[in-house]
């Protein structure tokens, strides 16, 4: 009997798969538990339509995410860090600092999407990947510079 899986069945297939299974397995297990539908012409056409709609929706979403990735890649983020003797940083630049810096530029990104392996602990320019979609990763340029201390002298 031909069936269309409604959910992933371990050892059998994934959602939307069109499979040929034994009649007893389909009648006694898959159909009563609503894990599959019988593959009639109507159900097959509905499945194909649903796959087309889902593919078009995913394509549009991916285009939006790619445009957002270009916007992020165009930003060069500058983070001020306090340094001590021999330009050694106090603390480090973390994902939180990067997300806050992006927010100042008007770009909202979830902190879990910033792929910073370890906090940045030195001055310089770094490329930080931001994974926006499973196929789309933006590269953010983070420039860590010395915080300039202003010394004001009172002249009398």
Foldseek 3Di string as FASTA:
>chain_A
DWKAFCAADPPAGGHGDTDDDDPCCCVPPCVVVVRIGHPDVVVNVVSVVVVVVVVVVVVVVVVVLQVLLVVQQVDAFEDEFAADPPQWTDDFADLVNVQVSVVVVVDHDDSVQWADPDTHGGFAKDWTWGHPDPVDIHTYIYGYDYDDDDDDDDDD
